[in-house]
C-alpha atoms as a PDB file:
ATOM      1  CA  MET A   1     -18.080  19.614 -25.103  1.00  0.00           C
ATOM      2  CA  ALA A   2     -19.035  17.258 -22.578  1.00  0.00           C
ATOM      3  CA  SER A   3     -18.545  14.106 -24.953  1.00  0.00           C
ATOM      4  CA  THR A   4     -14.503  14.623 -24.537  1.00  0.00           C
ATOM      5  CA  ASN A   5     -14.161  14.187 -21.003  1.00  0.00           C
ATOM      6  CA  ARG A   6     -16.472  11.113 -21.517  1.00  0.00           C
ATOM      7  CA  ARG A   7     -13.948   8.257 -23.220  1.00  0.00           C
ATOM      8  CA  PRO A   8     -11.050   9.010 -20.303  1.00  0.00           C
ATOM      9  CA  ASP A   9     -14.002   8.474 -17.751  1.00  0.00           C
ATOM     10  CA  ARG A  10     -15.149   5.047 -19.628  1.00  0.00           C
ATOM     11  CA  VAL A  11     -11.697   3.852 -20.179  1.00  0.00           C
ATOM     12  CA  ALA A  12     -10.922   4.761 -16.296  1.00  0.00           C
ATOM     13  CA  ALA A  13     -14.026   3.088 -15.267  1.00  0.00           C
ATOM     14  CA  ALA A  14     -12.577  -0.103 -17.313  1.00  0.00           C
ATOM     15  CA  ILE A  15      -9.119   0.241 -16.322  1.00  0.00           C
ATOM     16  CA  ARG A  16     -10.608  -0.096 -12.982  1.00  0.00           C
ATOM     17  CA  GLU A  17     -12.564  -3.157 -13.192  1.00  0.00           C
ATOM     18  CA  GLU A  18      -9.218  -5.235 -15.122  1.00  0.00           C
ATOM     19  CA  VAL A  19      -7.031  -3.916 -12.342  1.00  0.00           C
ATOM     20  CA  ALA A  20      -9.087  -5.377  -9.559  1.00  0.00           C
ATOM     21  CA  THR A  21      -9.809  -8.153 -11.126  1.00  0.00           C
ATOM     22  CA  PHE A  22      -6.174  -8.865 -11.729  1.00  0.00           C
ATOM     23  CA  LEU A  23      -5.544  -8.132  -8.019  1.00  0.00           C
ATOM     24  CA  ASN A  24      -8.044 -10.294  -6.607  1.00  0.00           C
ATOM     25  CA  GLN A  25      -6.687 -13.662  -8.633  1.00  0.00           C
ATOM     26  CA  ASP A  26      -3.949 -13.326 -10.973  1.00  0.00           C
ATOM     27  CA  VAL A  27      -1.643 -11.585  -9.074  1.00  0.00           C
ATOM     28  CA  LYS A  28       1.844 -13.553  -8.639  1.00  0.00           C
ATOM     29  CA  ASP A  29       4.305 -11.824  -6.854  1.00  0.00           C
ATOM     30  CA  PRO A  30       4.491 -12.821  -3.161  1.00  0.00           C
ATOM     31  CA  ARG A  31       5.362  -9.062  -2.024  1.00  0.00           C
ATOM     32  CA  VAL A  32       1.608  -8.468  -2.609  1.00  0.00           C
ATOM     33  CA  VAL A  33       0.165  -9.711   0.660  1.00  0.00           C
ATOM     34  CA  GLY A  34      -2.121  -6.953   2.392  1.00  0.00           C
ATOM     35  CA  LEU A  35      -5.750  -6.374   1.361  1.00  0.00           C
ATOM     36  CA  VAL A  36      -5.753  -4.354  -1.955  1.00  0.00           C
ATOM     37  CA  THR A  37      -8.606  -2.002  -2.767  1.00  0.00           C
ATOM     38  CA  VAL A  38      -8.652  -0.379  -5.622  1.00  0.00           C
ATOM     39  CA  THR A  39     -10.951   2.830  -5.128  1.00  0.00           C
ATOM     40  CA  GLY A  40     -10.360   4.764  -7.892  1.00  0.00           C
ATOM     41  CA  VAL A  41      -8.631   5.474 -11.454  1.00  0.00           C
ATOM     42  CA  ASP A  42      -7.791   8.837 -13.003  1.00  0.00           C
ATOM     43  CA  VAL A  43      -6.800   8.858 -16.769  1.00  0.00           C
ATOM     44  CA  SER A  44      -4.827  11.357 -18.482  1.00  0.00           C
ATOM     45  CA  ARG A  45      -6.651  13.193 -20.808  1.00  0.00           C
ATOM     46  CA  ASP A  46      -4.082  11.687 -23.681  1.00  0.00           C
ATOM     47  CA  LEU A  47      -5.091   8.481 -22.059  1.00  0.00           C
ATOM     48  CA  ARG A  48      -1.408   7.901 -21.746  1.00  0.00           C
ATOM     49  CA  VAL A  49      -1.049   7.444 -17.930  1.00  0.00           C
ATOM     50  CA  ALA A  50      -3.857   5.620 -15.457  1.00  0.00           C
ATOM     51  CA  THR A  51      -3.297   6.676 -11.918  1.00  0.00           C
ATOM     52  CA  VAL A  52      -4.630   3.564  -9.985  1.00  0.00           C
ATOM     53  CA  TYR A  53      -5.475   4.631  -6.181  1.00  0.00           C
ATOM     54  CA  VAL A  54      -5.213   1.569  -3.876  1.00  0.00           C
ATOM     55  CA  SER A  55      -5.972   1.205   0.033  1.00  0.00           C
ATOM     56  CA  ILE A  56      -3.989  -1.173   1.410  1.00  0.00           C
ATOM     57  CA  TYR A  57      -4.768  -2.959   4.736  1.00  0.00           C
ATOM     58  CA  GLY A  58      -2.192  -4.670   7.157  1.00  0.00           C
ATOM     59  CA  SER A  59       1.169  -3.812   8.972  1.00  0.00           C
ATOM     60  CA  GLU A  60       3.005  -1.039   8.245  1.00  0.00           C
ATOM     61  CA  ALA A  61       5.957  -3.288   6.329  1.00  0.00           C
ATOM     62  CA  GLU A  62       2.787  -5.454   4.886  1.00  0.00           C
ATOM     63  CA  ARG A  63       2.040  -2.424   3.113  1.00  0.00           C
ATOM     64  CA  ALA A  64       5.092  -1.520   2.311  1.00  0.00           C
ATOM     65  CA  ALA A  65       6.159  -4.762   0.373  1.00  0.00           C
ATOM     66  CA  THR A  66       2.599  -4.705  -1.183  1.00  0.00           C
ATOM     67  CA  ALA A  67       3.382  -1.420  -2.626  1.00  0.00           C
ATOM     68  CA  ASP A  68       6.573  -2.475  -3.801  1.00  0.00           C
ATOM     69  CA  GLY A  69       4.965  -5.770  -5.231  1.00  0.00           C
ATOM     70  CA  LEU A  70       2.162  -2.963  -7.332  1.00  0.00           C
ATOM     71  CA  ALA A  71       5.099  -0.942  -8.752  1.00  0.00           C
ATOM     72  CA  SER A  72       7.070  -4.324 -10.148  1.00  0.00           C
ATOM     73  CA  VAL A  73       3.709  -5.810 -11.768  1.00  0.00           C
ATOM     74  CA  ALA A  74       2.642  -2.663 -13.217  1.00  0.00           C
ATOM     75  CA  SER A  75       4.145  -3.245 -16.584  1.00  0.00           C
ATOM     76  CA  HIS A  76       2.679  -6.453 -16.859  1.00  0.00           C
ATOM     77  CA  LEU A  77      -0.686  -5.055 -15.754  1.00  0.00           C
ATOM     78  CA  ARG A  78      -0.267  -2.389 -18.457  1.00  0.00           C
ATOM     79  CA  ALA A  79      -0.044  -4.958 -21.312  1.00  0.00           C
ATOM     80  CA  ARG A  80      -2.835  -6.668 -20.014  1.00  0.00           C
ATOM     81  CA  ILE A  81      -4.785  -3.696 -20.036  1.00  0.00           C
ATOM     82  CA  GLY A  82      -3.706  -3.118 -23.201  1.00  0.00           C
ATOM     83  CA  ARG A  83      -4.775  -6.426 -24.671  1.00  0.00           C
ATOM     84  CA  SER A  84      -8.311  -6.262 -22.967  1.00  0.00           C
ATOM     85  CA  LEU A  85      -9.834  -2.771 -23.652  1.00  0.00           C
ATOM     86  CA  ARG A  86      -8.338  -3.057 -27.019  1.00  0.00           C
ATOM     87  CA  LEU A  87      -6.380   0.293 -26.642  1.00  0.00           C
ATOM     88  CA  ARG A  88      -3.868   1.128 -29.838  1.00  0.00           C
ATOM     89  CA  LEU A  89      -1.219   2.647 -26.093  1.00  0.00           C
ATOM     90  CA  ALA A  90      -1.706   1.283 -23.356  1.00  0.00           C
ATOM     91  CA  PRO A  91      -1.724   3.700 -20.338  1.00  0.00           C
ATOM     92  CA  GLU A  92       0.937   3.259 -18.352  1.00  0.00           C
ATOM     93  CA  ILE A  93       0.065   2.506 -14.569  1.00  0.00           C
ATOM     94  CA  VAL A  94       0.818   4.040 -11.620  1.00  0.00           C
ATOM     95  CA  PHE A  95      -0.169   3.164  -8.070  1.00  0.00           C
ATOM     96  CA  LYS A  96      -0.743   5.824  -5.229  1.00  0.00           C
ATOM     97  CA  PRO A  97      -2.183   4.938  -1.957  1.00  0.00           C
ATOM     98  CA  ASP A  98      -5.710   6.311  -1.072  1.00  0.00           C
ATOM     99  CA  GLU A  99      -5.502   7.368   2.461  1.00  0.00           C
ATOM    100  CA  SER A 100      -9.172   8.310   2.425  1.00  0.00           C
ATOM    101  CA  ILE A 101     -10.282   5.362   3.935  1.00  0.00           C
ATOM    102  CA  ALA A 102      -7.738   5.713   7.169  1.00  0.00           C
ATOM    103  CA  ARG A 103      -8.603   9.454   7.306  1.00  0.00           C
ATOM    104  CA  ALA A 104     -12.359   8.881   7.456  1.00  0.00           C
ATOM    105  CA  ALA A 105     -11.819   6.474  10.555  1.00  0.00           C
ATOM    106  CA  ARG A 106      -9.377   8.536  12.260  1.00  0.00           C
ATOM    107  CA  ILE A 107     -12.029  11.764  11.691  1.00  0.00           C
ATOM    108  CA  GLU A 108     -14.773   9.438  12.882  1.00  0.00           C
ATOM    109  CA  THR A 109     -12.841   8.225  15.967  1.00  0.00           C
ATOM    110  CA  LEU A 110     -11.711  12.080  17.208  1.00  0.00           C
ATOM    111  CA  LEU A 111     -15.366  12.910  16.696  1.00  0.00           C
ATOM    112  CA  SER A 112     -16.555  10.047  19.156  1.00  0.00           C
ATOM    113  CA  GLN A 113     -14.042  11.210  21.704  1.00  0.00           C
ATOM    114  CA  LEU A 114     -15.161  14.953  21.688  1.00  0.00           C
ATOM    115  CA  LYS A 115     -18.560  13.506  21.670  1.00  0.00           C
ATOM    116  CA  ASP A 116     -18.064  11.258  24.652  1.00  0.00           C
ATOM    117  CA  ALA A 117     -15.842  13.903  26.514  1.00  0.00           C
ATOM    118  CA  PRO A 118     -17.434  15.890  29.105  1.00  0.00           C
ATOM    119  CA  PRO A 119     -17.715  19.541  28.795  1.00  0.00           C
ATOM    120  CA  PRO A 120     -15.108  21.779  30.029  1.00  0.00           C
ATOM    121  CA  SER A 121     -15.564  22.775  33.690  1.00  0.00           C
ATOM    122  CA  GLY A 122     -15.559  26.491  33.374  1.00  0.00           C
ATOM    123  CA  GLU A 123     -18.532  26.845  31.470  1.00  0.00           C
ATOM    124  CA  ASP A 124     -22.498  26.334  31.801  1.00  0.00           C
ATOM    125  CA  GLU A 125     -23.945  23.834  29.376  1.00  0.00           C
ATOM    126  CA  ARG A 126     -26.831  25.829  27.495  1.00  0.00           C
ATOM    127  CA  ASP A 127     -29.200  24.255  25.006  1.00  0.00           C
END
Protein backbone atom coordinates (compact mmCIF):
# COMPACT_ATOMS: atom_id res chain seq x y z
CA MET A 1 0.00 0.00 0.00
CA ALA A 2 2.90 2.36 0.68
CA SER A 3 4.06 2.06 -2.92
CA THR A 4 0.83 3.64 -4.20
CA ASN A 5 1.63 6.89 -2.36
CA ARG A 6 5.27 7.07 -3.34
CA ARG A 7 4.82 8.22 -6.94
CA PRO A 8 2.80 11.36 -6.12
CA ASP A 9 5.42 12.22 -3.49
CA ARG A 10 8.25 11.81 -6.01
CA VAL A 11 6.39 13.82 -8.62
CA ALA A 12 5.65 16.55 -6.04
CA ALA A 13 9.35 16.79 -5.14
CA ALA A 14 10.35 17.01 -8.80
CA ILE A 15 7.70 19.66 -9.46
CA ARG A 16 8.91 21.65 -6.47
CA GLU A 17 12.46 21.69 -7.84
CA GLU A 18 11.31 22.59 -11.35
CA VAL A 19 9.05 25.43 -10.15
CA ALA A 20 11.78 26.82 -7.88
CA THR A 21 14.28 26.76 -10.75
CA PHE A 22 11.79 28.43 -13.07
CA LEU A 23 11.00 31.18 -10.56
CA ASN A 24 14.68 31.85 -9.85
CA GLN A 25 15.92 31.88 -13.43
CA ASP A 26 13.35 31.90 -16.19
CA VAL A 27 10.24 33.81 -15.14
CA LYS A 28 9.76 36.78 -17.46
CA ASP A 29 6.45 38.18 -16.21
CA PRO A 30 7.14 41.71 -14.95
CA ARG A 31 4.47 41.34 -12.26
CA VAL A 32 6.56 38.76 -10.42
CA VAL A 33 8.51 41.32 -8.39
CA GLY A 34 8.58 40.00 -4.82
CA LEU A 35 10.86 37.32 -3.52
CA VAL A 36 9.00 34.05 -4.10
CA THR A 37 9.84 30.89 -2.17
CA VAL A 38 8.27 27.54 -2.97
CA THR A 39 7.43 26.04 0.42
CA GLY A 40 5.70 22.88 -0.73
CA VAL A 41 3.83 21.01 -3.42
CA ASP A 42 0.83 18.72 -3.06
CA VAL A 43 -0.07 16.51 -6.00
CA SER A 44 -3.44 14.83 -6.30
CA ARG A 45 -3.46 11.05 -6.33
CA ASP A 46 -4.24 10.93 -10.05
CA LEU A 47 -1.43 13.46 -10.76
CA ARG A 48 -3.83 15.85 -12.50
CA VAL A 49 -3.50 18.82 -10.12
CA ALA A 50 -0.39 20.16 -8.41
CA THR A 51 -0.95 22.74 -5.68
CA VAL A 52 2.20 24.81 -5.27
CA TYR A 53 2.46 26.67 -1.96
CA VAL A 54 4.51 29.86 -2.16
CA SER A 55 5.63 32.53 0.27
CA ILE A 56 5.81 35.95 -1.33
CA TYR A 57 7.85 38.65 0.40
CA GLY A 58 7.27 42.31 -0.23
CA SER A 59 4.61 44.94 0.24
CA GLU A 60 0.93 44.07 -0.07
CA ALA A 61 0.82 45.54 -3.60
CA GLU A 62 3.92 43.57 -4.65
CA ARG A 63 2.44 40.37 -3.23
CA ALA A 64 -0.83 40.90 -5.10
CA ALA A 65 0.99 41.66 -8.38
CA THR A 66 3.24 38.64 -7.93
CA ALA A 67 0.26 36.38 -7.26
CA ASP A 68 -1.37 37.62 -10.49
CA GLY A 69 1.88 37.04 -12.37
CA LEU A 70 2.19 33.51 -11.00
CA ALA A 71 -1.36 32.71 -12.06
CA SER A 72 -0.59 33.89 -15.59
CA VAL A 73 2.59 31.80 -15.96
CA ALA A 74 0.92 28.63 -14.63
CA SER A 75 0.02 27.29 -18.09
CA HIS A 76 3.55 27.87 -19.41
CA LEU A 77 4.93 26.20 -16.31
CA ARG A 78 2.57 23.26 -16.79
CA ALA A 79 3.96 22.63 -20.28
CA ARG A 80 7.52 22.96 -19.03
CA ILE A 81 6.93 20.49 -16.19
CA GLY A 82 5.29 18.02 -18.57
CA ARG A 83 8.33 18.12 -20.86
CA SER A 84 11.01 18.03 -18.17
CA LEU A 85 9.41 15.26 -16.10
CA ARG A 86 8.21 13.35 -19.17
CA LEU A 87 4.71 12.98 -17.83
CA ARG A 88 1.97 11.69 -20.09
CA LEU A 89 -0.41 14.27 -18.66
CA ALA A 90 1.10 17.37 -17.11
CA PRO A 91 -0.68 18.41 -13.91
CA GLU A 92 -2.60 21.65 -13.70
CA ILE A 93 -0.56 24.10 -11.61
CA VAL A 94 -2.41 26.00 -8.89
CA PHE A 95 -0.50 28.54 -6.80
CA LYS A 96 -1.64 29.10 -3.22
CA PRO A 97 -0.11 31.49 -0.70
CA ASP A 98 1.61 29.86 2.26
CA GLU A 99 1.16 32.09 5.27
CA SER A 100 2.82 29.69 7.71
CA ILE A 101 6.11 31.64 7.83
CA ALA A 102 4.31 34.93 8.53
CA ARG A 103 2.08 33.20 11.08
CA ALA A 104 5.11 31.67 12.83
CA ALA A 105 6.82 35.06 12.98
CA ARG A 106 3.68 36.61 14.46
CA ILE A 107 3.44 33.88 17.12
CA GLU A 108 7.13 34.34 17.94
CA THR A 109 6.59 38.08 18.38
CA LEU A 110 3.59 37.54 20.65
CA LEU A 111 5.49 35.02 22.77
CA SER A 112 8.46 37.35 23.18
CA GLN A 113 6.08 40.15 24.21
CA LEU A 114 4.51 37.88 26.82
CA LYS A 115 7.93 36.87 28.11
CA ASP A 116 9.07 40.49 28.43
CA ALA A 117 5.81 41.79 29.93
CA PRO A 118 5.69 42.37 33.71
CA PRO A 119 3.42 40.01 35.67
CA PRO A 120 -0.09 41.28 36.50
CA SER A 121 -0.02 43.51 39.58
CA GLY A 122 -2.54 41.62 41.72
CA GLU A 123 -0.76 38.26 41.78
CA ASP A 124 2.29 36.89 43.55
CA GLU A 125 5.13 35.39 41.60
CA ARG A 126 5.46 31.72 42.47
CA ASP A 127 8.33 29.48 41.41
